[in-house]
């Protein structure tokens, strides 16, 4: 199975789980890990700009990586998935948790 098929299957399963476990709109917590790079952090912050998001960044012990937690009210699972895809397409090497 190729990476695109894996991603499509992942998002399909995520969408089902989000519909099953939440009443929408709801507060959603995004978590990302990236290599510490101010430009990458800024890109992620801009993606969630003007949404009322609360963004926390925590550098790793050695400062090589940064954890980014984002709390934001989302309208639907489709919008949640759109943001994951937007971050993945704009920030190289991002890990979504």
PDB file of N, CA and C in Angstrom:
ATOM      1  N   UNK A   1       0.852  -1.183   0.000  1.00  0.00           N
ATOM      2  CA  UNK A   1       0.000   0.000   0.000  1.00  0.00           C
ATOM      3  C   UNK A   1       0.891   1.238   0.000  1.00  0.00           C
ATOM      4  N   UNK A   2       0.561   2.203  -0.847  1.00  0.00           N
ATOM      5  CA  UNK A   2       1.398   3.388  -0.928  1.00  0.00           C
ATOM      6  C   UNK A   2       1.045   4.407   0.149  1.00  0.00           C
ATOM      7  N   UNK A   3       1.879   5.403   0.275  1.00  0.00           N
ATOM      8  CA  UNK A   3       1.724   6.412   1.326  1.00  0.00           C
ATOM      9  C   UNK A   3       0.418   7.184   1.189  1.00  0.00           C
ATOM     10  N   UNK A   4       0.022   7.514  -0.046  1.00  0.00           N
ATOM     11  CA  UNK A   4      -1.221   8.249  -0.267  1.00  0.00           C
ATOM     12  C   UNK A   4      -2.424   7.434   0.204  1.00  0.00           C
ATOM     13  N   UNK A   5      -2.442   6.139  -0.103  1.00  0.00           N
ATOM     14  CA  UNK A   5      -3.537   5.274   0.351  1.00  0.00           C
ATOM     15  C   UNK A   5      -3.556   5.177   1.864  1.00  0.00           C
ATOM     16  N   UNK A   6      -2.376   5.095   2.481  1.00  0.00           N
ATOM     17  CA  UNK A   6      -2.293   5.049   3.941  1.00  0.00           C
ATOM     18  C   UNK A   6      -2.847   6.323   4.554  1.00  0.00           C
ATOM     19  N   UNK A   7      -2.499   7.468   3.983  1.00  0.00           N
ATOM     20  CA  UNK A   7      -2.969   8.748   4.495  1.00  0.00           C
ATOM     21  C   UNK A   7      -4.482   8.854   4.354  1.00  0.00           C
ATOM     22  N   UNK A   8      -5.013   8.452   3.196  1.00  0.00           N
ATOM     23  CA  UNK A   8      -6.457   8.512   2.978  1.00  0.00           C
ATOM     24  C   UNK A   8      -7.196   7.627   3.978  1.00  0.00           C
ATOM     25  N   UNK A   9      -6.672   6.443   4.215  1.00  0.00           N
ATOM     26  CA  UNK A   9      -7.286   5.517   5.176  1.00  0.00           C
ATOM     27  C   UNK A   9      -7.211   6.088   6.594  1.00  0.00           C
ATOM     28  N   UNK A  10      -6.064   6.685   6.942  1.00  0.00           N
ATOM     29  CA  UNK A  10      -5.905   7.294   8.258  1.00  0.00           C
ATOM     30  C   UNK A  10      -6.947   8.385   8.471  1.00  0.00           C
ATOM     31  N   UNK A  11      -7.092   9.286   7.499  1.00  0.00           N
ATOM     32  CA  UNK A  11      -8.037  10.396   7.644  1.00  0.00           C
ATOM     33  C   UNK A  11      -9.484   9.908   7.654  1.00  0.00           C
ATOM     34  N   UNK A  12      -9.774   8.871   6.899  1.00  0.00           N
ATOM     35  CA  UNK A  12     -11.126   8.296   6.906  1.00  0.00           C
ATOM     36  C   UNK A  12     -11.453   7.760   8.301  1.00  0.00           C
ATOM     37  N   UNK A  13     -10.516   7.017   8.886  1.00  0.00           N
ATOM     38  CA  UNK A  13     -10.720   6.475  10.234  1.00  0.00           C
ATOM     39  C   UNK A  13     -10.805   7.581  11.278  1.00  0.00           C
ATOM     40  N   UNK A  14      -9.962   8.591  11.143  1.00  0.00           N
ATOM     41  CA  UNK A  14      -9.991   9.714  12.082  1.00  0.00           C
ATOM     42  C   UNK A  14     -11.341  10.418  12.025  1.00  0.00           C
ATOM     43  N   UNK A  15     -11.845  10.648  10.824  1.00  0.00           N
ATOM     44  CA  UNK A  15     -13.134  11.322  10.662  1.00  0.00           C
ATOM     45  C   UNK A  15     -14.245  10.537  11.364  1.00  0.00           C
ATOM     46  N   UNK A  16     -14.264   9.230  11.179  1.00  0.00           N
ATOM     47  CA  UNK A  16     -15.276   8.391  11.832  1.00  0.00           C
ATOM     48  C   UNK A  16     -15.171   8.477  13.348  1.00  0.00           C
ATOM     49  N   UNK A  17     -13.949   8.399  13.869  1.00  0.00           N
ATOM     50  CA  UNK A  17     -13.751   8.469  15.319  1.00  0.00           C
ATOM     51  C   UNK A  17     -14.174   9.827  15.879  1.00  0.00           C
ATOM     52  N   UNK A  18     -13.855  10.891  15.154  1.00  0.00           N
ATOM     53  CA  UNK A  18     -14.228  12.230  15.614  1.00  0.00           C
ATOM     54  C   UNK A  18     -15.750  12.385  15.650  1.00  0.00           C
ATOM     55  N   UNK A  19     -16.438  11.881  14.652  1.00  0.00           N
ATOM     56  CA  UNK A  19     -17.902  11.953  14.654  1.00  0.00           C
ATOM     57  C   UNK A  19     -18.491  11.125  15.791  1.00  0.00           C
ATOM     58  N   UNK A  20     -17.866   9.969  16.071  1.00  0.00           N
ATOM     59  CA  UNK A  20     -18.374   9.064  17.108  1.00  0.00           C
ATOM     60  C   UNK A  20     -18.131   9.573  18.523  1.00  0.00           C
ATOM     61  N   UNK A  21     -17.108  10.388  18.725  1.00  0.00           N
ATOM     62  CA  UNK A  21     -16.704  10.737  20.089  1.00  0.00           C
ATOM     63  C   UNK A  21     -16.987  12.178  20.498  1.00  0.00           C
ATOM     64  N   UNK A  22     -17.445  13.009  19.569  1.00  0.00           N
ATOM     65  CA  UNK A  22     -17.632  14.425  19.904  1.00  0.00           C
ATOM     66  C   UNK A  22     -18.923  14.967  19.324  1.00  0.00           C
ATOM     67  N   UNK A  23     -19.415  16.013  19.969  1.00  0.00           N
ATOM     68  CA  UNK A  23     -20.545  16.780  19.445  1.00  0.00           C
ATOM     69  C   UNK A  23     -19.960  18.059  18.855  1.00  0.00           C
ATOM     70  N   UNK A  24     -20.284  18.337  17.604  1.00  0.00           N
ATOM     71  CA  UNK A  24     -19.659  19.441  16.877  1.00  0.00           C
ATOM     72  C   UNK A  24     -20.557  20.652  16.817  1.00  0.00           C
ATOM     73  N   UNK A  25     -19.969  21.858  16.887  1.00  0.00           N
ATOM     74  CA  UNK A  25     -18.545  22.199  17.043  1.00  0.00           C
ATOM     75  C   UNK A  25     -18.035  21.828  18.438  1.00  0.00           C
ATOM     76  N   UNK A  26     -16.724  21.625  18.526  1.00  0.00           N
ATOM     77  CA  UNK A  26     -16.103  21.247  19.793  1.00  0.00           C
ATOM     78  C   UNK A  26     -14.671  21.781  19.859  1.00  0.00           C
ATOM     79  N   UNK A  27     -14.140  21.813  21.066  1.00  0.00           N
ATOM     80  CA  UNK A  27     -12.734  22.189  21.235  1.00  0.00           C
ATOM     81  C   UNK A  27     -11.879  20.986  20.864  1.00  0.00           C
ATOM     82  N   UNK A  28     -10.866  21.233  20.055  1.00  0.00           N
ATOM     83  CA  UNK A  28      -9.998  20.154  19.582  1.00  0.00           C
ATOM     84  C   UNK A  28      -8.551  20.494  19.920  1.00  0.00           C
ATOM     85  N   UNK A  29      -7.789  19.481  20.303  1.00  0.00           N
ATOM     86  CA  UNK A  29      -6.374  19.663  20.641  1.00  0.00           C
ATOM     87  C   UNK A  29      -5.513  19.046  19.550  1.00  0.00           C
ATOM     88  N   UNK A  30      -4.778  19.891  18.860  1.00  0.00           N
ATOM     89  CA  UNK A  30      -3.771  19.438  17.899  1.00  0.00           C
ATOM     90  C   UNK A  30      -2.444  19.352  18.626  1.00  0.00           C
ATOM     91  N   UNK A  31      -1.637  18.331  18.282  1.00  0.00           N
ATOM     92  CA  UNK A  31      -0.277  18.240  18.815  1.00  0.00           C
ATOM     93  C   UNK A  31       0.652  17.921  17.653  1.00  0.00           C
ATOM     94  N   UNK A  32       1.703  18.718  17.555  1.00  0.00           N
ATOM     95  CA  UNK A  32       2.696  18.531  16.504  1.00  0.00           C
ATOM     96  C   UNK A  32       4.083  18.529  17.128  1.00  0.00           C
ATOM     97  N   UNK A  33       5.008  17.813  16.494  1.00  0.00           N
ATOM     98  CA  UNK A  33       6.421  17.859  16.867  1.00  0.00           C
ATOM     99  C   UNK A  33       7.201  18.181  15.605  1.00  0.00           C
ATOM    100  N   UNK A  34       8.099  19.160  15.734  1.00  0.00           N
ATOM    101  CA  UNK A  34       8.942  19.551  14.611  1.00  0.00           C
ATOM    102  C   UNK A  34      10.366  19.755  15.088  1.00  0.00           C
ATOM    103  N   UNK A  35      11.313  19.701  14.148  1.00  0.00           N
ATOM    104  CA  UNK A  35      12.673  20.126  14.489  1.00  0.00           C
ATOM    105  C   UNK A  35      12.586  21.601  14.828  1.00  0.00           C
ATOM    106  N   UNK A  36      13.284  22.001  15.863  1.00  0.00           N
ATOM    107  CA  UNK A  36      13.216  23.392  16.310  1.00  0.00           C
ATOM    108  C   UNK A  36      13.697  24.318  15.203  1.00  0.00           C
ATOM    109  N   UNK A  37      12.754  25.094  14.688  1.00  0.00           N
ATOM    110  CA  UNK A  37      13.016  26.031  13.612  1.00  0.00           C
ATOM    111  C   UNK A  37      11.954  27.127  13.718  1.00  0.00           C
ATOM    112  N   UNK A  38      12.373  28.350  14.073  1.00  0.00           N
ATOM    113  CA  UNK A  38      11.399  29.433  14.233  1.00  0.00           C
ATOM    114  C   UNK A  38      10.496  29.635  13.010  1.00  0.00           C
ATOM    115  N   UNK A  39      11.022  29.414  11.810  1.00  0.00           N
ATOM    116  CA  UNK A  39      10.212  29.593  10.596  1.00  0.00           C
ATOM    117  C   UNK A  39       9.078  28.571  10.552  1.00  0.00           C
ATOM    118  N   UNK A  40       9.358  27.320  10.925  1.00  0.00           N
ATOM    119  CA  UNK A  40       8.324  26.281  10.922  1.00  0.00           C
ATOM    120  C   UNK A  40       7.266  26.561  11.988  1.00  0.00           C
ATOM    121  N   UNK A  41       7.705  27.024  13.139  1.00  0.00           N
ATOM    122  CA  UNK A  41       6.758  27.367  14.207  1.00  0.00           C
ATOM    123  C   UNK A  41       5.842  28.494  13.736  1.00  0.00           C
ATOM    124  N   UNK A  42       6.412  29.480  13.081  1.00  0.00           N
ATOM    125  CA  UNK A  42       5.628  30.606  12.573  1.00  0.00           C
ATOM    126  C   UNK A  42       4.607  30.153  11.539  1.00  0.00           C
ATOM    127  N   UNK A  43       4.978  29.242  10.663  1.00  0.00           N
ATOM    128  CA  UNK A  43       4.039  28.728   9.659  1.00  0.00           C
ATOM    129  C   UNK A  43       2.842  28.080  10.342  1.00  0.00           C
ATOM    130  N   UNK A  44       3.097  27.243  11.340  1.00  0.00           N
ATOM    131  CA  UNK A  44       2.000  26.575  12.048  1.00  0.00           C
ATOM    132  C   UNK A  44       1.129  27.596  12.762  1.00  0.00           C
ATOM    133  N   UNK A  45       1.749  28.563  13.404  1.00  0.00           N
ATOM    134  CA  UNK A  45       0.973  29.607  14.081  1.00  0.00           C
ATOM    135  C   UNK A  45       0.098  30.367  13.083  1.00  0.00           C
ATOM    136  N   UNK A  46       0.611  30.640  11.903  1.00  0.00           N
ATOM    137  CA  UNK A  46      -0.160  31.362  10.887  1.00  0.00           C
ATOM    138  C   UNK A  46      -1.338  30.534  10.368  1.00  0.00           C
ATOM    139  N   UNK A  47      -1.169  29.240  10.273  1.00  0.00           N
ATOM    140  CA  UNK A  47      -2.249  28.368   9.819  1.00  0.00           C
ATOM    141  C   UNK A  47      -3.451  28.455  10.759  1.00  0.00           C
ATOM    142  N   UNK A  48      -3.184  28.653  12.051  1.00  0.00           N
ATOM    143  CA  UNK A  48      -4.259  28.712  13.041  1.00  0.00           C
ATOM    144  C   UNK A  48      -4.572  30.153  13.473  1.00  0.00           C
ATOM    145  N   UNK A  49      -4.006  31.133  12.769  1.00  0.00           N
ATOM    146  CA  UNK A  49      -4.222  32.540  13.097  1.00  0.00           C
ATOM    147  C   UNK A  49      -5.689  32.927  12.882  1.00  0.00           C
ATOM    148  N   UNK A  50      -6.172  33.837  13.700  1.00  0.00           N
ATOM    149  CA  UNK A  50      -7.537  34.369  13.610  1.00  0.00           C
ATOM    150  C   UNK A  50      -8.619  33.319  13.818  1.00  0.00           C
ATOM    151  N   UNK A  51      -8.293  32.258  14.568  1.00  0.00           N
ATOM    152  CA  UNK A  51      -9.273  31.215  14.876  1.00  0.00           C
ATOM    153  C   UNK A  51      -9.554  31.149  16.376  1.00  0.00           C
ATOM    154  N   UNK A  52      -8.912  32.024  17.146  1.00  0.00           N
ATOM    155  CA  UNK A  52      -9.064  31.971  18.595  1.00  0.00           C
ATOM    156  C   UNK A  52      -8.286  30.825  19.222  1.00  0.00           C
ATOM    157  N   UNK A  53      -7.284  30.349  18.542  1.00  0.00           N
ATOM    158  CA  UNK A  53      -6.493  29.213  19.021  1.00  0.00           C
ATOM    159  C   UNK A  53      -5.561  29.625  20.156  1.00  0.00           C
ATOM    160  N   UNK A  54      -5.402  28.717  21.110  1.00  0.00           N
ATOM    161  CA  UNK A  54      -4.411  28.871  22.179  1.00  0.00           C
ATOM    162  C   UNK A  54      -3.255  27.950  21.805  1.00  0.00           C
ATOM    163  N   UNK A  55      -2.085  28.542  21.567  1.00  0.00           N
ATOM    164  CA  UNK A  55      -0.931  27.793  21.076  1.00  0.00           C
ATOM    165  C   UNK A  55       0.168  27.803  22.126  1.00  0.00           C
ATOM    166  N   UNK A  56       0.660  26.592  22.461  1.00  0.00           N
ATOM    167  CA  UNK A  56       1.782  26.454  23.402  1.00  0.00           C
ATOM    168  C   UNK A  56       2.917  25.730  22.699  1.00  0.00           C
ATOM    169  N   UNK A  57       4.121  26.277  22.833  1.00  0.00           N
ATOM    170  CA  UNK A  57       5.300  25.614  22.286  1.00  0.00           C
ATOM    171  C   UNK A  57       6.228  25.246  23.435  1.00  0.00           C
ATOM    172  N   UNK A  58       6.753  24.025  23.362  1.00  0.00           N
ATOM    173  CA  UNK A  58       7.671  23.553  24.397  1.00  0.00           C
ATOM    174  C   UNK A  58       8.879  22.924  23.713  1.00  0.00           C
ATOM    175  N   UNK A  59      10.066  23.503  23.921  1.00  0.00           N
ATOM    176  CA  UNK A  59      11.268  22.898  23.330  1.00  0.00           C
ATOM    177  C   UNK A  59      11.644  21.618  24.075  1.00  0.00           C
ATOM    178  N   UNK A  60      12.276  20.686  23.360  1.00  0.00           N
ATOM    179  CA  UNK A  60      12.752  19.465  23.993  1.00  0.00           C
ATOM    180  C   UNK A  60      13.915  19.801  24.927  1.00  0.00           C
ATOM    181  N   UNK A  61      14.318  18.835  25.713  1.00  0.00           N
ATOM    182  CA  UNK A  61      15.383  19.033  26.702  1.00  0.00           C
ATOM    183  C   UNK A  61      16.652  19.596  26.061  1.00  0.00           C
ATOM    184  N   UNK A  62      17.031  19.077  24.909  1.00  0.00           N
ATOM    185  CA  UNK A  62      18.241  19.543  24.229  1.00  0.00           C
ATOM    186  C   UNK A  62      17.969  20.664  23.238  1.00  0.00           C
ATOM    187  N   UNK A  63      16.700  21.015  23.054  1.00  0.00           N
ATOM    188  CA  UNK A  63      16.352  22.102  22.155  1.00  0.00           C
ATOM    189  C   UNK A  63      16.326  21.729  20.686  1.00  0.00           C
ATOM    190  N   UNK A  64      16.474  20.441  20.384  1.00  0.00           N
ATOM    191  CA  UNK A  64      16.488  20.021  18.984  1.00  0.00           C
ATOM    192  C   UNK A  64      15.092  19.970  18.369  1.00  0.00           C
ATOM    193  N   UNK A  65      14.103  19.708  19.193  1.00  0.00           N
ATOM    194  CA  UNK A  65      12.721  19.586  18.721  1.00  0.00           C
ATOM    195  C   UNK A  65      11.815  20.502  19.532  1.00  0.00           C
ATOM    196  N   UNK A  66      10.668  20.812  18.945  1.00  0.00           N
ATOM    197  CA  UNK A  66       9.672  21.627  19.629  1.00  0.00           C
ATOM    198  C   UNK A  66       8.328  20.938  19.524  1.00  0.00           C
ATOM    199  N   UNK A  67       7.635  20.863  20.655  1.00  0.00           N
ATOM    200  CA  UNK A  67       6.273  20.351  20.705  1.00  0.00           C
ATOM    201  C   UNK A  67       5.328  21.548  20.626  1.00  0.00           C
ATOM    202  N   UNK A  68       4.326  21.441  19.761  1.00  0.00           N
ATOM    203  CA  UNK A  68       3.351  22.513  19.610  1.00  0.00           C
ATOM    204  C   UNK A  68       1.969  21.939  19.911  1.00  0.00           C
ATOM    205  N   UNK A  69       1.291  22.518  20.906  1.00  0.00           N
ATOM    206  CA  UNK A  69      -0.075  22.130  21.255  1.00  0.00           C
ATOM    207  C   UNK A  69      -0.997  23.286  20.910  1.00  0.00           C
ATOM    208  N   UNK A  70      -2.097  22.960  20.240  1.00  0.00           N
ATOM    209  CA  UNK A  70      -3.027  23.994  19.795  1.00  0.00           C
ATOM    210  C   UNK A  70      -4.441  23.598  20.196  1.00  0.00           C
ATOM    211  N   UNK A  71      -5.055  24.406  21.053  1.00  0.00           N
ATOM    212  CA  UNK A  71      -6.461  24.227  21.429  1.00  0.00           C
ATOM    213  C   UNK A  71      -7.278  25.219  20.628  1.00  0.00           C
ATOM    214  N   UNK A  72      -8.305  24.708  19.940  1.00  0.00           N
ATOM    215  CA  UNK A  72      -9.113  25.591  19.098  1.00  0.00           C
ATOM    216  C   UNK A  72     -10.496  24.962  18.899  1.00  0.00           C
ATOM    217  N   UNK A  73     -11.510  25.809  18.799  1.00  0.00           N
ATOM    218  CA  UNK A  73     -12.860  25.339  18.520  1.00  0.00           C
ATOM    219  C   UNK A  73     -12.955  25.038  17.022  1.00  0.00           C
ATOM    220  N   UNK A  74     -13.333  23.813  16.700  1.00  0.00           N
ATOM    221  CA  UNK A  74     -13.465  23.400  15.305  1.00  0.00           C
ATOM    222  C   UNK A  74     -14.923  23.071  15.006  1.00  0.00           C
ATOM    223  N   UNK A  75     -15.350  23.357  13.771  1.00  0.00           N
ATOM    224  CA  UNK A  75     -16.750  23.200  13.387  1.00  0.00           C
ATOM    225  C   UNK A  75     -17.143  21.760  13.091  1.00  0.00           C
ATOM    226  N   UNK A  76     -16.198  20.976  12.549  1.00  0.00           N
ATOM    227  CA  UNK A  76     -16.531  19.607  12.148  1.00  0.00           C
ATOM    228  C   UNK A  76     -15.252  18.793  11.972  1.00  0.00           C
ATOM    229  N   UNK A  77     -15.396  17.460  11.924  1.00  0.00           N
ATOM    230  CA  UNK A  77     -14.217  16.631  11.653  1.00  0.00           C
ATOM    231  C   UNK A  77     -13.555  16.953  10.313  1.00  0.00           C
ATOM    232  N   UNK A  78     -14.353  17.356   9.328  1.00  0.00           N
ATOM    233  CA  UNK A  78     -13.768  17.715   8.028  1.00  0.00           C
ATOM    234  C   UNK A  78     -12.806  18.893   8.156  1.00  0.00           C
ATOM    235  N   UNK A  79     -13.168  19.878   8.969  1.00  0.00           N
ATOM    236  CA  UNK A  79     -12.315  21.051   9.166  1.00  0.00           C
ATOM    237  C   UNK A  79     -11.056  20.660   9.945  1.00  0.00           C
ATOM    238  N   UNK A  80     -11.189  19.756  10.919  1.00  0.00           N
ATOM    239  CA  UNK A  80     -10.027  19.256  11.668  1.00  0.00           C
ATOM    240  C   UNK A  80      -9.032  18.624  10.693  1.00  0.00           C
ATOM    241  N   UNK A  81      -9.523  17.778   9.822  1.00  0.00           N
ATOM    242  CA  UNK A  81      -8.664  17.073   8.870  1.00  0.00           C
ATOM    243  C   UNK A  81      -8.039  18.045   7.869  1.00  0.00           C
ATOM    244  N   UNK A  82      -8.796  19.034   7.428  1.00  0.00           N
ATOM    245  CA  UNK A  82      -8.241  20.048   6.514  1.00  0.00           C
ATOM    246  C   UNK A  82      -7.014  20.724   7.130  1.00  0.00           C
ATOM    247  N   UNK A  83      -7.086  21.039   8.424  1.00  0.00           N
ATOM    248  CA  UNK A  83      -5.954  21.706   9.098  1.00  0.00           C
ATOM    249  C   UNK A  83      -4.754  20.768   9.191  1.00  0.00           C
ATOM    250  N   UNK A  84      -4.996  19.476   9.506  1.00  0.00           N
ATOM    251  CA  UNK A  84      -3.882  18.521   9.526  1.00  0.00           C
ATOM    252  C   UNK A  84      -3.198  18.484   8.156  1.00  0.00           C
ATOM    253  N   UNK A  85      -3.985  18.429   7.099  1.00  0.00           N
ATOM    254  CA  UNK A  85      -3.426  18.364   5.750  1.00  0.00           C
ATOM    255  C   UNK A  85      -2.682  19.650   5.403  1.00  0.00           C
ATOM    256  N   UNK A  86      -3.226  20.788   5.828  1.00  0.00           N
ATOM    257  CA  UNK A  86      -2.580  22.073   5.554  1.00  0.00           C
ATOM    258  C   UNK A  86      -1.214  22.148   6.238  1.00  0.00           C
ATOM    259  N   UNK A  87      -1.166  21.741   7.497  1.00  0.00           N
ATOM    260  CA  UNK A  87       0.117  21.744   8.219  1.00  0.00           C
ATOM    261  C   UNK A  87       1.091  20.776   7.545  1.00  0.00           C
ATOM    262  N   UNK A  88       0.610  19.574   7.221  1.00  0.00           N
ATOM    263  CA  UNK A  88       1.478  18.569   6.592  1.00  0.00           C
ATOM    264  C   UNK A  88       2.038  19.008   5.246  1.00  0.00           C
ATOM    265  N   UNK A  89       1.261  19.787   4.506  1.00  0.00           N
ATOM    266  CA  UNK A  89       1.723  20.214   3.179  1.00  0.00           C
ATOM    267  C   UNK A  89       2.668  21.422   3.247  1.00  0.00           C
ATOM    268  N   UNK A  90       2.595  22.187   4.349  1.00  0.00           N
ATOM    269  CA  UNK A  90       3.401  23.411   4.437  1.00  0.00           C
ATOM    270  C   UNK A  90       4.625  23.291   5.336  1.00  0.00           C
ATOM    271  N   UNK A  91       4.650  22.291   6.213  1.00  0.00           N
ATOM    272  CA  UNK A  91       5.759  22.171   7.170  1.00  0.00           C
ATOM    273  C   UNK A  91       6.438  20.821   6.965  1.00  0.00           C
ATOM    274  N   UNK A  92       7.609  20.876   6.386  1.00  0.00           N
ATOM    275  CA  UNK A  92       8.354  19.649   6.102  1.00  0.00           C
ATOM    276  C   UNK A  92       8.806  18.972   7.399  1.00  0.00           C
ATOM    277  N   UNK A  93       8.597  17.662   7.457  1.00  0.00           N
ATOM    278  CA  UNK A  93       9.078  16.880   8.596  1.00  0.00           C
ATOM    279  C   UNK A  93       8.225  16.973   9.847  1.00  0.00           C
ATOM    280  N   UNK A  94       7.031  17.552   9.766  1.00  0.00           N
ATOM    281  CA  UNK A  94       6.164  17.662  10.940  1.00  0.00           C
ATOM    282  C   UNK A  94       5.620  16.283  11.311  1.00  0.00           C
ATOM    283  N   UNK A  95       5.524  16.037  12.592  1.00  0.00           N
ATOM    284  CA  UNK A  95       4.901  14.819  13.123  1.00  0.00           C
ATOM    285  C   UNK A  95       3.612  15.235  13.787  1.00  0.00           C
ATOM    286  N   UNK A  96       2.500  14.667  13.335  1.00  0.00           N
ATOM    287  CA  UNK A  96       1.193  14.964  13.911  1.00  0.00           C
ATOM    288  C   UNK A  96       0.844  13.861  14.894  1.00  0.00           C
ATOM    289  N   UNK A  97       0.431  14.276  16.094  1.00  0.00           N
ATOM    290  CA  UNK A  97       0.064  13.295  17.109  1.00  0.00           C
ATOM    291  C   UNK A  97      -1.436  13.322  17.322  1.00  0.00           C
TER     292      UNK A  97
END
